[in-house]
Amino acid sequence: MLETLIIESPLNGKLIELSGVNDKIFSSGAAGRGVAIKNPDGKISAPFDGIVKFLASPGVIGLKSFSGVELLIHVGLNTCKLIGESFKPQVEADDTIRRGQILLTFDPQEVIRAGFDATTPVVVTNPENFGDIIFLLGEQKIHLTNEKYLQYNLRGGVEYGKFIAAT
């Protein structure tokens, strides 16, 4: 039986299911199993001890925990075209990180003014290594069940976005 993974959100805002994200790559689960943060506060911190696998412009971060969790954080939707002073990385690729360390700051209002949605997906990109995945943000909680993941995956689909949300 695979281990249940519990991840504290790397940024503050409103925790939502990926199925509610207006981006097919994330809402379909093609990028992995996860959640999104609506109305983010603009500070991304490390949810665990590990390393920065990559930083992509302008606000895409890949992390790997020392226990093997691979996490993708993508500031905003369709923001790959956005260039601006809004994004301020505090780390570089291959840096060792500690839980709670600030990794990137950004101005969500600048993202919105530029015509983009600031909703930020947070996705486990190696979900096959874990059972249930639980995302926590203060009192908010979304529980992604492994049973649903396996049902869809065995059928050849990637409908990870349709999971049980627990509050």
N, C-alpha and C. Protein backbone atom coordinates (compact mmCIF):
# COMPACT_ATOMS: atom_id res chain seq x y z
N MET A 1 0.84 -1.18 0.00
CA MET A 1 0.00 0.00 0.00
C MET A 1 0.89 1.25 0.00
N LEU A 2 0.52 2.21 -0.82
CA LEU A 2 1.31 3.43 -0.94
C LEU A 2 1.02 4.40 0.20
N GLU A 3 2.03 5.14 0.57
CA GLU A 3 1.95 6.11 1.66
C GLU A 3 1.08 7.31 1.29
N THR A 4 0.28 7.78 2.26
CA THR A 4 -0.48 9.01 2.09
C THR A 4 0.49 10.19 2.20
N LEU A 5 0.36 11.10 1.29
CA LEU A 5 1.23 12.28 1.24
C LEU A 5 0.44 13.49 1.74
N ILE A 6 1.01 14.22 2.69
CA ILE A 6 0.39 15.44 3.20
C ILE A 6 1.31 16.60 2.85
N ILE A 7 0.75 17.60 2.16
CA ILE A 7 1.53 18.76 1.74
C ILE A 7 0.85 20.03 2.23
N GLU A 8 1.61 20.86 2.91
CA GLU A 8 1.11 22.17 3.30
C GLU A 8 1.32 23.10 2.12
N SER A 9 0.32 23.90 1.83
CA SER A 9 0.39 24.80 0.68
C SER A 9 1.60 25.72 0.77
N PRO A 10 2.29 25.92 -0.34
CA PRO A 10 3.44 26.81 -0.35
C PRO A 10 3.08 28.30 -0.42
N LEU A 11 1.79 28.63 -0.53
CA LEU A 11 1.38 30.02 -0.52
C LEU A 11 -0.03 30.14 0.04
N ASN A 12 -0.36 31.33 0.50
CA ASN A 12 -1.68 31.58 1.09
C ASN A 12 -2.67 32.07 0.05
N GLY A 13 -3.93 31.81 0.32
CA GLY A 13 -5.03 32.18 -0.56
C GLY A 13 -6.17 31.22 -0.31
N LYS A 14 -6.99 30.99 -1.33
CA LYS A 14 -8.10 30.04 -1.22
C LYS A 14 -7.75 28.76 -1.97
N LEU A 15 -7.77 27.66 -1.26
CA LEU A 15 -7.46 26.35 -1.81
C LEU A 15 -8.64 25.86 -2.65
N ILE A 16 -8.38 25.51 -3.93
CA ILE A 16 -9.43 25.00 -4.80
C ILE A 16 -8.95 23.73 -5.50
N GLU A 17 -9.91 22.95 -6.00
CA GLU A 17 -9.58 21.75 -6.76
C GLU A 17 -9.04 22.13 -8.14
N LEU A 18 -8.18 21.30 -8.69
CA LEU A 18 -7.64 21.56 -10.04
C LEU A 18 -8.74 21.56 -11.09
N SER A 19 -9.80 20.82 -10.86
CA SER A 19 -10.88 20.78 -11.85
C SER A 19 -11.52 22.16 -12.03
N GLY A 20 -11.33 23.05 -11.06
CA GLY A 20 -11.88 24.40 -11.14
C GLY A 20 -10.95 25.41 -11.78
N VAL A 21 -9.83 24.95 -12.31
CA VAL A 21 -8.83 25.82 -12.93
C VAL A 21 -9.12 25.94 -14.42
N ASN A 22 -9.03 27.15 -14.94
CA ASN A 22 -9.32 27.42 -16.35
C ASN A 22 -8.08 27.20 -17.22
N ASP A 23 -7.54 25.99 -17.15
CA ASP A 23 -6.38 25.60 -17.95
C ASP A 23 -6.43 24.08 -18.08
N LYS A 24 -6.59 23.58 -19.30
CA LYS A 24 -6.79 22.13 -19.51
C LYS A 24 -5.62 21.27 -19.06
N ILE A 25 -4.41 21.78 -19.19
CA ILE A 25 -3.25 20.99 -18.75
C ILE A 25 -3.37 20.67 -17.26
N PHE A 26 -3.75 21.67 -16.48
CA PHE A 26 -3.87 21.45 -15.03
C PHE A 26 -5.21 20.80 -14.66
N SER A 27 -6.32 21.30 -15.20
CA SER A 27 -7.63 20.79 -14.79
C SER A 27 -7.84 19.34 -15.20
N SER A 28 -7.20 18.89 -16.27
CA SER A 28 -7.33 17.50 -16.70
C SER A 28 -6.45 16.56 -15.89
N GLY A 29 -5.48 17.11 -15.21
CA GLY A 29 -4.54 16.29 -14.46
C GLY A 29 -3.33 15.88 -15.26
N ALA A 30 -3.19 16.39 -16.48
CA ALA A 30 -2.06 16.00 -17.32
C ALA A 30 -0.72 16.38 -16.69
N ALA A 31 -0.70 17.42 -15.87
CA ALA A 31 0.55 17.85 -15.22
C ALA A 31 0.81 17.10 -13.92
N GLY A 32 -0.21 16.39 -13.41
CA GLY A 32 -0.07 15.67 -12.15
C GLY A 32 -1.28 15.90 -11.26
N ARG A 33 -1.21 15.39 -10.04
CA ARG A 33 -2.31 15.54 -9.08
C ARG A 33 -2.00 16.70 -8.15
N GLY A 34 -2.98 17.58 -7.97
CA GLY A 34 -2.73 18.71 -7.09
C GLY A 34 -3.94 19.57 -6.87
N VAL A 35 -3.65 20.81 -6.52
CA VAL A 35 -4.66 21.81 -6.20
C VAL A 35 -4.23 23.13 -6.84
N ALA A 36 -5.01 24.16 -6.59
CA ALA A 36 -4.61 25.50 -7.01
C ALA A 36 -4.95 26.46 -5.89
N ILE A 37 -4.26 27.58 -5.89
CA ILE A 37 -4.49 28.62 -4.89
C ILE A 37 -5.06 29.83 -5.62
N LYS A 38 -6.31 30.15 -5.30
CA LYS A 38 -6.97 31.32 -5.87
C LYS A 38 -6.68 32.50 -4.96
N ASN A 39 -6.55 33.68 -5.54
CA ASN A 39 -6.22 34.89 -4.79
C ASN A 39 -4.95 34.72 -3.95
N PRO A 40 -3.84 34.32 -4.59
CA PRO A 40 -2.60 34.08 -3.84
C PRO A 40 -2.06 35.37 -3.24
N ASP A 41 -1.30 35.21 -2.15
CA ASP A 41 -0.77 36.38 -1.44
C ASP A 41 0.54 36.91 -2.03
N GLY A 42 1.17 36.16 -2.92
CA GLY A 42 2.39 36.65 -3.57
C GLY A 42 3.69 36.18 -2.95
N LYS A 43 3.64 35.25 -2.02
CA LYS A 43 4.86 34.69 -1.43
C LYS A 43 4.80 33.18 -1.51
N ILE A 44 5.77 32.60 -2.19
CA ILE A 44 5.86 31.14 -2.27
C ILE A 44 6.97 30.70 -1.34
N SER A 45 6.62 29.80 -0.42
CA SER A 45 7.62 29.28 0.51
C SER A 45 7.76 27.77 0.31
N ALA A 46 8.87 27.24 0.73
CA ALA A 46 9.13 25.81 0.58
C ALA A 46 8.20 25.01 1.49
N PRO A 47 7.45 24.06 0.92
CA PRO A 47 6.56 23.24 1.75
C PRO A 47 7.28 22.08 2.44
N PHE A 48 8.57 21.90 2.09
CA PHE A 48 9.37 20.81 2.66
C PHE A 48 10.85 21.12 2.46
N ASP A 49 11.69 20.31 3.09
CA ASP A 49 13.13 20.39 2.86
C ASP A 49 13.44 19.65 1.57
N GLY A 50 14.33 20.20 0.75
CA GLY A 50 14.67 19.54 -0.51
C GLY A 50 15.57 20.40 -1.36
N ILE A 51 15.36 20.32 -2.67
CA ILE A 51 16.15 21.11 -3.61
C ILE A 51 15.24 21.76 -4.65
N VAL A 52 15.75 22.83 -5.25
CA VAL A 52 15.07 23.47 -6.37
C VAL A 52 15.55 22.73 -7.62
N LYS A 53 14.65 22.03 -8.29
CA LYS A 53 15.01 21.31 -9.52
C LYS A 53 15.18 22.28 -10.68
N PHE A 54 14.27 23.25 -10.78
CA PHE A 54 14.37 24.24 -11.86
C PHE A 54 13.56 25.48 -11.52
N LEU A 55 13.94 26.56 -12.16
CA LEU A 55 13.18 27.82 -12.17
C LEU A 55 12.98 28.17 -13.62
N ALA A 56 11.74 28.36 -14.03
CA ALA A 56 11.46 28.75 -15.41
C ALA A 56 10.77 30.11 -15.37
N SER A 57 10.95 30.87 -16.38
CA SER A 57 10.42 32.22 -16.42
C SER A 57 8.94 32.20 -16.75
N PRO A 58 8.13 33.05 -16.16
CA PRO A 58 8.53 33.98 -15.13
C PRO A 58 8.33 33.45 -13.71
N GLY A 59 7.40 32.53 -13.49
CA GLY A 59 7.12 32.09 -12.13
C GLY A 59 6.80 30.62 -12.02
N VAL A 60 7.61 29.79 -12.62
CA VAL A 60 7.41 28.34 -12.57
C VAL A 60 8.59 27.73 -11.82
N ILE A 61 8.26 26.97 -10.76
CA ILE A 61 9.29 26.38 -9.90
C ILE A 61 9.06 24.89 -9.79
N GLY A 62 10.13 24.12 -9.95
CA GLY A 62 10.08 22.69 -9.72
C GLY A 62 10.90 22.37 -8.49
N LEU A 63 10.31 21.63 -7.55
CA LEU A 63 10.97 21.26 -6.30
C LEU A 63 11.02 19.75 -6.15
N LYS A 64 11.99 19.28 -5.39
CA LYS A 64 12.03 17.86 -5.04
C LYS A 64 12.41 17.76 -3.57
N SER A 65 11.54 17.08 -2.81
CA SER A 65 11.83 16.90 -1.38
C SER A 65 12.89 15.82 -1.20
N PHE A 66 13.51 15.83 -0.05
CA PHE A 66 14.50 14.80 0.24
C PHE A 66 13.86 13.42 0.33
N SER A 67 12.53 13.37 0.52
CA SER A 67 11.82 12.09 0.58
C SER A 67 11.27 11.67 -0.78
N GLY A 68 11.52 12.47 -1.84
CA GLY A 68 11.15 12.06 -3.20
C GLY A 68 9.92 12.70 -3.81
N VAL A 69 9.27 13.63 -3.12
CA VAL A 69 8.11 14.31 -3.68
C VAL A 69 8.57 15.33 -4.71
N GLU A 70 8.01 15.26 -5.92
CA GLU A 70 8.32 16.25 -6.96
C GLU A 70 7.11 17.16 -7.10
N LEU A 71 7.34 18.47 -6.95
CA LEU A 71 6.26 19.44 -6.91
C LEU A 71 6.50 20.54 -7.93
N LEU A 72 5.45 20.87 -8.67
CA LEU A 72 5.49 21.96 -9.63
C LEU A 72 4.58 23.07 -9.12
N ILE A 73 5.10 24.29 -9.07
CA ILE A 73 4.32 25.46 -8.67
C ILE A 73 4.35 26.40 -9.87
N HIS A 74 3.17 26.74 -10.38
CA HIS A 74 3.07 27.57 -11.58
C HIS A 74 2.27 28.82 -11.25
N VAL A 75 2.95 29.95 -11.07
CA VAL A 75 2.27 31.20 -10.71
C VAL A 75 1.38 31.65 -11.86
N GLY A 76 0.09 31.67 -11.62
CA GLY A 76 -0.86 32.14 -12.61
C GLY A 76 -1.11 31.15 -13.73
N LEU A 77 -2.12 31.48 -14.54
CA LEU A 77 -2.50 30.64 -15.67
C LEU A 77 -2.10 31.32 -16.96
N ASN A 78 -1.46 30.56 -17.84
CA ASN A 78 -1.01 31.07 -19.14
C ASN A 78 -0.06 32.27 -19.00
N THR A 79 0.69 32.30 -17.92
CA THR A 79 1.57 33.44 -17.64
C THR A 79 2.96 33.29 -18.24
N CYS A 80 3.19 32.26 -19.03
CA CYS A 80 4.52 32.06 -19.61
C CYS A 80 4.93 33.23 -20.51
N LYS A 81 3.93 33.95 -21.03
CA LYS A 81 4.22 35.11 -21.88
C LYS A 81 4.46 36.38 -21.07
N LEU A 82 4.18 36.32 -19.78
CA LEU A 82 4.29 37.50 -18.92
C LEU A 82 5.73 37.75 -18.51
N ILE A 83 6.20 38.93 -18.79
CA ILE A 83 7.54 39.34 -18.38
C ILE A 83 7.37 40.60 -17.55
N GLY A 84 8.03 40.66 -16.43
CA GLY A 84 7.89 41.86 -15.63
C GLY A 84 8.68 41.79 -14.35
N GLU A 85 8.68 42.90 -13.68
CA GLU A 85 9.40 43.02 -12.42
C GLU A 85 8.64 42.37 -11.27
N SER A 86 7.46 41.89 -11.56
CA SER A 86 6.61 41.32 -10.53
C SER A 86 7.23 40.09 -9.87
N PHE A 87 8.01 39.32 -10.60
CA PHE A 87 8.56 38.06 -10.10
C PHE A 87 9.97 38.25 -9.57
N LYS A 88 10.17 37.88 -8.31
CA LYS A 88 11.48 38.04 -7.68
C LYS A 88 11.91 36.72 -7.04
N PRO A 89 12.65 35.90 -7.80
CA PRO A 89 13.13 34.63 -7.23
C PRO A 89 14.13 34.89 -6.11
N GLN A 90 14.04 34.10 -5.06
CA GLN A 90 14.96 34.19 -3.92
C GLN A 90 15.93 33.01 -3.90
N VAL A 91 15.76 32.09 -4.85
CA VAL A 91 16.60 30.89 -4.95
C VAL A 91 16.97 30.66 -6.40
N GLU A 92 17.88 29.73 -6.61
CA GLU A 92 18.28 29.32 -7.96
C GLU A 92 18.17 27.82 -8.09
N ALA A 93 18.20 27.33 -9.31
CA ALA A 93 18.18 25.89 -9.56
C ALA A 93 19.32 25.24 -8.81
N ASP A 94 19.06 24.07 -8.26
CA ASP A 94 20.00 23.25 -7.51
C ASP A 94 20.26 23.73 -6.08
N ASP A 95 19.61 24.83 -5.67
CA ASP A 95 19.75 25.28 -4.28
C ASP A 95 19.06 24.29 -3.35
N THR A 96 19.63 24.09 -2.18
CA THR A 96 18.98 23.33 -1.12
C THR A 96 18.01 24.28 -0.42
N ILE A 97 16.82 23.78 -0.13
CA ILE A 97 15.80 24.61 0.50
C ILE A 97 15.34 23.98 1.82
N ARG A 98 14.85 24.83 2.71
CA ARG A 98 14.32 24.38 4.00
C ARG A 98 12.86 24.79 4.10
N ARG A 99 12.08 23.95 4.71
CA ARG A 99 10.64 24.21 4.88
C ARG A 99 10.43 25.61 5.45
N GLY A 100 9.53 26.37 4.80
CA GLY A 100 9.21 27.72 5.25
C GLY A 100 10.04 28.81 4.60
N GLN A 101 11.13 28.44 3.94
CA GLN A 101 12.00 29.41 3.27
C GLN A 101 11.26 30.05 2.10
N ILE A 102 11.36 31.38 1.96
CA ILE A 102 10.74 32.07 0.84
C ILE A 102 11.52 31.74 -0.44
N LEU A 103 10.80 31.27 -1.47
CA LEU A 103 11.42 30.87 -2.73
C LEU A 103 11.24 31.93 -3.82
N LEU A 104 10.09 32.58 -3.80
CA LEU A 104 9.75 33.54 -4.85
C LEU A 104 8.69 34.49 -4.30
N THR A 105 8.81 35.75 -4.65
CA THR A 105 7.73 36.70 -4.36
C THR A 105 7.25 37.25 -5.70
N PHE A 106 5.99 37.63 -5.72
CA PHE A 106 5.41 38.19 -6.94
C PHE A 106 4.25 39.10 -6.56
N ASP A 107 3.84 39.93 -7.50
CA ASP A 107 2.72 40.84 -7.28
C ASP A 107 1.51 40.30 -8.02
N PRO A 108 0.55 39.67 -7.29
CA PRO A 108 -0.62 39.11 -7.95
C PRO A 108 -1.43 40.18 -8.71
N GLN A 109 -1.45 41.40 -8.21
CA GLN A 109 -2.20 42.46 -8.88
C GLN A 109 -1.57 42.82 -10.23
N GLU A 110 -0.25 42.75 -10.31
CA GLU A 110 0.42 43.01 -11.59
C GLU A 110 0.07 41.91 -12.60
N VAL A 111 -0.01 40.67 -12.13
CA VAL A 111 -0.40 39.55 -13.00
C VAL A 111 -1.81 39.81 -13.54
N ILE A 112 -2.70 40.23 -12.68
CA ILE A 112 -4.09 40.50 -13.08
C ILE A 112 -4.16 41.70 -14.03
N ARG A 113 -3.43 42.78 -13.70
CA ARG A 113 -3.42 43.97 -14.57
C ARG A 113 -2.91 43.64 -15.97
N ALA A 114 -2.03 42.66 -16.06
CA ALA A 114 -1.49 42.25 -17.36
C ALA A 114 -2.48 41.36 -18.13
N GLY A 115 -3.62 41.07 -17.53
CA GLY A 115 -4.66 40.31 -18.21
C GLY A 115 -4.63 38.81 -17.95
N PHE A 116 -3.92 38.40 -16.92
CA PHE A 116 -3.80 36.97 -16.61
C PHE A 116 -4.52 36.64 -15.31
N ASP A 117 -4.83 35.37 -15.14
CA ASP A 117 -5.43 34.86 -13.91
C ASP A 117 -4.29 34.50 -12.97
N ALA A 118 -4.30 35.01 -11.74
CA ALA A 118 -3.22 34.77 -10.78
C ALA A 118 -3.37 33.44 -10.04
N THR A 119 -4.43 32.68 -10.31
CA THR A 119 -4.61 31.37 -9.68
C THR A 119 -3.37 30.52 -9.92
N THR A 120 -2.84 29.93 -8.86
CA THR A 120 -1.54 29.25 -8.91
C THR A 120 -1.67 27.75 -8.66
N PRO A 121 -1.52 26.91 -9.69
CA PRO A 121 -1.53 25.46 -9.49
C PRO A 121 -0.29 24.98 -8.71
N VAL A 122 -0.53 23.98 -7.86
CA VAL A 122 0.52 23.32 -7.08
C VAL A 122 0.29 21.83 -7.30
N VAL A 123 1.22 21.18 -8.00
CA VAL A 123 0.97 19.83 -8.51
C VAL A 123 2.09 18.86 -8.16
N VAL A 124 1.72 17.70 -7.68
CA VAL A 124 2.68 16.60 -7.49
C VAL A 124 2.85 15.95 -8.85
N THR A 125 4.07 16.00 -9.39
CA THR A 125 4.30 15.49 -10.75
C THR A 125 4.70 14.02 -10.79
N ASN A 126 4.89 13.41 -9.63
CA ASN A 126 5.16 11.97 -9.57
C ASN A 126 4.13 11.29 -8.66
N PRO A 127 2.83 11.46 -8.95
CA PRO A 127 1.78 10.96 -8.06
C PRO A 127 1.71 9.44 -7.96
N GLU A 128 2.26 8.76 -8.94
CA GLU A 128 2.23 7.30 -8.93
C GLU A 128 3.01 6.71 -7.76
N ASN A 129 3.85 7.52 -7.12
CA ASN A 129 4.67 7.05 -5.99
C ASN A 129 3.95 7.17 -4.65
N PHE A 130 2.70 7.69 -4.67
CA PHE A 130 2.00 7.95 -3.42
C PHE A 130 0.58 7.43 -3.47
N GLY A 131 0.01 7.24 -2.30
CA GLY A 131 -1.41 6.88 -2.20
C GLY A 131 -2.22 8.16 -2.27
N ASP A 132 -3.08 8.35 -1.28
CA ASP A 132 -3.85 9.58 -1.20
C ASP A 132 -2.91 10.77 -1.03
N ILE A 133 -3.33 11.91 -1.55
CA ILE A 133 -2.57 13.15 -1.37
C ILE A 133 -3.50 14.15 -0.72
N ILE A 134 -3.05 14.72 0.39
CA ILE A 134 -3.84 15.70 1.13
C ILE A 134 -3.10 17.03 1.12
N PHE A 135 -3.78 18.07 0.63
CA PHE A 135 -3.23 19.42 0.64
C PHE A 135 -3.89 20.21 1.75
N LEU A 136 -3.09 20.91 2.53
CA LEU A 136 -3.59 21.71 3.65
C LEU A 136 -3.20 23.17 3.46
N LEU A 137 -4.14 24.05 3.85
CA LEU A 137 -3.87 25.49 3.86
C LEU A 137 -4.69 26.06 5.00
N GLY A 138 -4.04 26.24 6.15
CA GLY A 138 -4.77 26.67 7.34
C GLY A 138 -5.85 25.65 7.66
N GLU A 139 -7.11 26.10 7.74
CA GLU A 139 -8.24 25.21 8.01
C GLU A 139 -8.76 24.54 6.74
N GLN A 140 -8.26 24.94 5.59
CA GLN A 140 -8.72 24.37 4.32
C GLN A 140 -7.99 23.05 4.05
N LYS A 141 -8.72 22.13 3.40
CA LYS A 141 -8.13 20.82 3.12
C LYS A 141 -8.76 20.25 1.86
N ILE A 142 -7.94 19.72 0.98
CA ILE A 142 -8.43 18.96 -0.17
C ILE A 142 -7.74 17.61 -0.16
N HIS A 143 -8.56 16.57 -0.21
CA HIS A 143 -8.08 15.18 -0.13
C HIS A 143 -8.24 14.54 -1.50
N LEU A 144 -7.14 14.22 -2.14
CA LEU A 144 -7.15 13.56 -3.44
C LEU A 144 -6.97 12.07 -3.20
N THR A 145 -8.00 11.29 -3.48
CA THR A 145 -7.93 9.87 -3.16
C THR A 145 -7.20 9.09 -4.24
N ASN A 146 -6.43 8.15 -3.81
CA ASN A 146 -5.69 7.29 -4.73
C ASN A 146 -6.65 6.38 -5.50
N GLU A 147 -7.75 6.01 -4.87
CA GLU A 147 -8.73 5.13 -5.53
C GLU A 147 -9.26 5.78 -6.81
N LYS A 148 -9.65 7.03 -6.73
CA LYS A 148 -10.12 7.75 -7.92
C LYS A 148 -9.02 7.86 -8.95
N TYR A 149 -7.82 8.18 -8.51
CA TYR A 149 -6.68 8.32 -9.41
C TYR A 149 -6.45 7.01 -10.17
N LEU A 150 -6.46 5.89 -9.45
CA LEU A 150 -6.22 4.59 -10.09
C LEU A 150 -7.34 4.23 -11.06
N GLN A 151 -8.59 4.51 -10.71
CA GLN A 151 -9.71 4.22 -11.61
C GLN A 151 -9.54 4.92 -12.94
N TYR A 152 -9.24 6.20 -12.90
CA TYR A 152 -9.08 6.97 -14.13
C TYR A 152 -7.82 6.56 -14.87
N ASN A 153 -6.75 6.36 -14.14
CA ASN A 153 -5.48 6.03 -14.75
C ASN A 153 -5.54 4.67 -15.45
N LEU A 154 -6.20 3.70 -14.84
CA LEU A 154 -6.29 2.37 -15.43
C LEU A 154 -7.13 2.38 -16.70
N ARG A 155 -8.05 3.33 -16.82
CA ARG A 155 -8.85 3.47 -18.03
C ARG A 155 -8.10 4.24 -19.11
N GLY A 156 -6.90 4.70 -18.80
CA GLY A 156 -6.10 5.43 -19.79
C GLY A 156 -6.39 6.91 -19.81
N GLY A 157 -7.23 7.38 -18.92
CA GLY A 157 -7.55 8.80 -18.87
C GLY A 157 -6.73 9.52 -17.83
N VAL A 158 -6.76 10.82 -17.91
CA VAL A 158 -6.07 11.62 -16.90
C VAL A 158 -7.04 12.65 -16.33
N GLU A 159 -8.11 12.15 -15.73
CA GLU A 159 -9.10 13.03 -15.14
C GLU A 159 -8.84 13.16 -13.65
N TYR A 160 -7.61 13.56 -13.27
CA TYR A 160 -7.25 13.66 -11.87
C TYR A 160 -8.04 14.74 -11.15
N GLY A 161 -8.61 15.68 -11.88
CA GLY A 161 -9.25 16.82 -11.25
C GLY A 161 -10.53 16.48 -10.51
N LYS A 162 -11.08 15.28 -10.71
CA LYS A 162 -12.36 14.94 -10.09
C LYS A 162 -12.12 14.10 -8.85
N PHE A 163 -11.82 14.77 -7.76
CA PHE A 163 -11.52 14.09 -6.51
C PHE A 163 -12.44 14.57 -5.42
N ILE A 164 -12.33 13.98 -4.29
CA ILE A 164 -13.14 14.33 -3.13
C ILE A 164 -12.49 15.54 -2.45
N ALA A 165 -13.27 16.57 -2.23
CA ALA A 165 -12.79 17.73 -1.49
C ALA A 165 -13.37 17.65 -0.08
N ALA A 166 -12.52 17.61 0.90
CA ALA A 166 -12.96 17.57 2.29
C ALA A 166 -12.72 18.93 2.93
N THR A 167 -13.65 19.36 3.70
CA THR A 167 -13.47 20.64 4.40
C THR A 167 -13.45 20.43 5.89
